Amino acid sequence: MRVDLRAVVRTPRKDLLLRFGFGAGVSLLAAVVSRLFGPFVGGVFLAFPAILLASLTLVAEEEGLMSARDDARGAALGTLGLVAFAVVATFLLRHHSAWLALGAATAAWAVVSLGAYGVARATGSGGDERSPADG
């Protein structure tokens, strides 16, 4: 993994607007839902990975559909970890210190995300797809 700040300058404005547009749209939706149904329900919408929608579109255009599928799978596995984080934090924050609750929630996120990845690898998830080179 590396960081290339020059890539931001090279990124087409259309792509940046698309990413920020999706993010702003989902944030606006979360605000409306929160206003109508309360902050708990609105908070669920804030957890929605707004940038994922735009990113998958751009990855598919630039790197191909298989790369976009891999990114989507990774996001789904990471989301399982975030659900575990939320459940653990919700229960522990009521009765324990924030440090303990958030530490345990972070550990739950790591275990569930990495465990889901391990299961996906072991079962060959995505292995049934052909690469463009396969014809």
Protein backbone atom coordinates (compact mmCIF):
# COMPACT_ATOMS: atom_id res chain seq x y z
CA MET A 1 0.00 0.00 0.00
CA ARG A 2 1.26 3.48 -0.78
CA VAL A 3 0.02 7.04 -0.76
CA ASP A 4 0.39 9.13 -3.90
CA LEU A 5 -0.82 12.68 -3.28
CA ARG A 6 -0.10 13.59 -6.89
CA ALA A 7 -2.88 11.18 -7.90
CA VAL A 8 -5.42 13.59 -6.40
CA VAL A 9 -4.31 16.26 -8.85
CA ARG A 10 -4.54 13.78 -11.74
CA THR A 11 -7.99 12.52 -10.73
CA PRO A 12 -10.63 13.87 -13.12
CA ARG A 13 -13.00 16.40 -11.58
CA LYS A 14 -15.96 14.26 -12.69
CA ASP A 15 -14.71 11.38 -10.55
CA LEU A 16 -14.21 13.61 -7.51
CA LEU A 17 -17.66 15.15 -7.92
CA LEU A 18 -19.20 11.70 -8.21
CA ARG A 19 -17.57 10.54 -4.97
CA PHE A 20 -18.46 13.67 -3.04
CA GLY A 21 -21.96 13.67 -4.52
CA PHE A 22 -22.68 10.14 -3.31
CA GLY A 23 -21.28 10.98 0.12
CA ALA A 24 -23.34 14.14 0.43
CA GLY A 25 -26.46 12.39 -0.83
CA VAL A 26 -26.23 9.59 1.70
CA SER A 27 -25.48 12.08 4.49
CA LEU A 28 -28.56 14.09 3.50
CA LEU A 29 -30.67 10.93 3.45
CA ALA A 30 -29.38 10.04 6.93
CA ALA A 31 -30.31 13.53 8.19
CA VAL A 32 -33.84 13.26 6.80
CA VAL A 33 -34.33 9.74 8.19
CA SER A 34 -32.95 10.90 11.55
CA ARG A 35 -35.39 13.82 11.60
CA LEU A 36 -38.35 11.58 10.73
CA PHE A 37 -37.56 8.45 12.74
CA GLY A 38 -35.05 9.51 15.39
CA PRO A 39 -31.27 9.52 15.75
CA PHE A 40 -30.93 5.77 16.27
CA VAL A 41 -32.46 4.92 12.89
CA GLY A 42 -30.67 7.84 11.21
CA GLY A 43 -27.36 6.62 12.60
CA VAL A 44 -27.78 3.34 10.79
CA PHE A 45 -27.89 5.26 7.52
CA LEU A 46 -24.70 7.10 8.41
CA ALA A 47 -22.97 3.75 8.58
CA PHE A 48 -23.84 3.16 4.93
CA PRO A 49 -20.63 3.25 2.92
CA ALA A 50 -21.59 6.14 0.65
CA ILE A 51 -18.25 6.35 -1.01
CA LEU A 52 -18.41 2.68 -1.97
CA LEU A 53 -21.05 3.27 -4.62
CA ALA A 54 -18.97 5.85 -6.42
CA SER A 55 -15.72 4.00 -5.89
CA LEU A 56 -17.01 0.75 -7.35
CA THR A 57 -18.19 2.57 -10.45
CA LEU A 58 -14.80 4.19 -10.91
CA VAL A 59 -12.86 1.00 -10.19
CA ALA A 60 -14.97 -0.90 -12.73
CA GLU A 61 -14.24 1.76 -15.36
CA GLU A 62 -10.52 2.02 -14.66
CA GLU A 63 -9.46 -1.45 -13.48
CA GLY A 64 -12.22 -3.74 -14.67
CA LEU A 65 -15.26 -5.49 -13.33
CA MET A 66 -13.30 -8.19 -11.48
CA SER A 67 -11.45 -5.58 -9.42
CA ALA A 68 -14.73 -3.86 -8.58
CA ARG A 69 -16.20 -7.21 -7.48
CA ASP A 70 -13.19 -7.84 -5.24
CA ASP A 71 -13.61 -4.39 -3.68
CA ALA A 72 -17.32 -5.03 -3.13
CA ARG A 73 -16.57 -8.36 -1.46
CA GLY A 74 -14.01 -6.71 0.80
CA ALA A 75 -16.48 -4.01 1.75
CA ALA A 76 -19.11 -6.62 2.60
CA LEU A 77 -16.68 -8.51 4.83
CA GLY A 78 -15.61 -5.28 6.51
CA THR A 79 -19.26 -4.40 7.09
CA LEU A 80 -19.74 -7.64 9.00
CA GLY A 81 -16.90 -6.49 11.24
CA LEU A 82 -18.53 -3.09 11.72
CA VAL A 83 -21.78 -4.77 12.78
CA ALA A 84 -19.82 -6.78 15.36
CA PHE A 85 -18.16 -3.55 16.54
CA ALA A 86 -21.55 -1.85 16.94
CA VAL A 87 -23.11 -4.76 18.84
CA VAL A 88 -20.19 -5.13 21.25
CA ALA A 89 -19.90 -1.36 21.80
CA THR A 90 -23.65 -1.02 22.40
CA PHE A 91 -23.66 -3.63 25.15
CA LEU A 92 -20.36 -2.79 26.83
CA LEU A 93 -20.61 1.01 26.83
CA ARG A 94 -23.62 0.79 29.15
CA HIS A 95 -21.70 -0.87 31.96
CA HIS A 96 -17.97 -0.45 31.37
CA SER A 97 -15.42 2.26 30.67
CA ALA A 98 -15.17 3.63 27.14
CA TRP A 99 -11.60 2.33 26.82
CA LEU A 100 -12.63 -1.22 27.63
CA ALA A 101 -15.78 -1.14 25.52
CA LEU A 102 -14.15 0.39 22.45
CA GLY A 103 -11.10 -1.84 22.78
CA ALA A 104 -13.28 -4.94 22.91
CA ALA A 105 -15.41 -3.64 20.03
CA THR A 106 -12.28 -3.06 17.94
CA ALA A 107 -11.09 -6.57 18.70
CA ALA A 108 -14.51 -7.92 17.67
CA TRP A 109 -14.29 -5.98 14.40
CA ALA A 110 -10.85 -7.43 13.65
CA VAL A 111 -11.81 -11.00 14.54
CA VAL A 112 -15.07 -10.96 12.56
CA SER A 113 -13.61 -9.19 9.51
CA LEU A 114 -10.52 -11.36 9.31
CA GLY A 115 -12.53 -14.47 10.11
CA ALA A 116 -15.00 -13.69 7.32
CA TYR A 117 -12.07 -13.13 4.96
CA GLY A 118 -10.56 -16.46 5.99
CA VAL A 119 -13.86 -18.26 5.37
CA ALA A 120 -14.24 -16.57 1.98
CA ARG A 121 -10.71 -17.60 0.99
CA ALA A 122 -11.15 -21.14 2.27
CA THR A 123 -14.40 -21.62 0.36
CA GLY A 124 -12.95 -20.15 -2.84
CA SER A 125 -15.24 -17.14 -3.00
CA GLY A 126 -14.72 -15.44 -6.34
CA GLY A 127 -12.66 -18.32 -7.66
CA ASP A 128 -15.44 -19.24 -10.07
CA GLU A 129 -14.98 -16.06 -12.11
CA ARG A 130 -12.87 -16.03 -15.21
CA SER A 131 -10.38 -13.29 -15.82
CA PRO A 132 -10.47 -11.42 -19.15
CA ALA A 133 -7.23 -13.24 -20.05
CA ASP A 134 -9.08 -16.57 -19.82
CA GLY A 135 -11.28 -15.54 -22.72
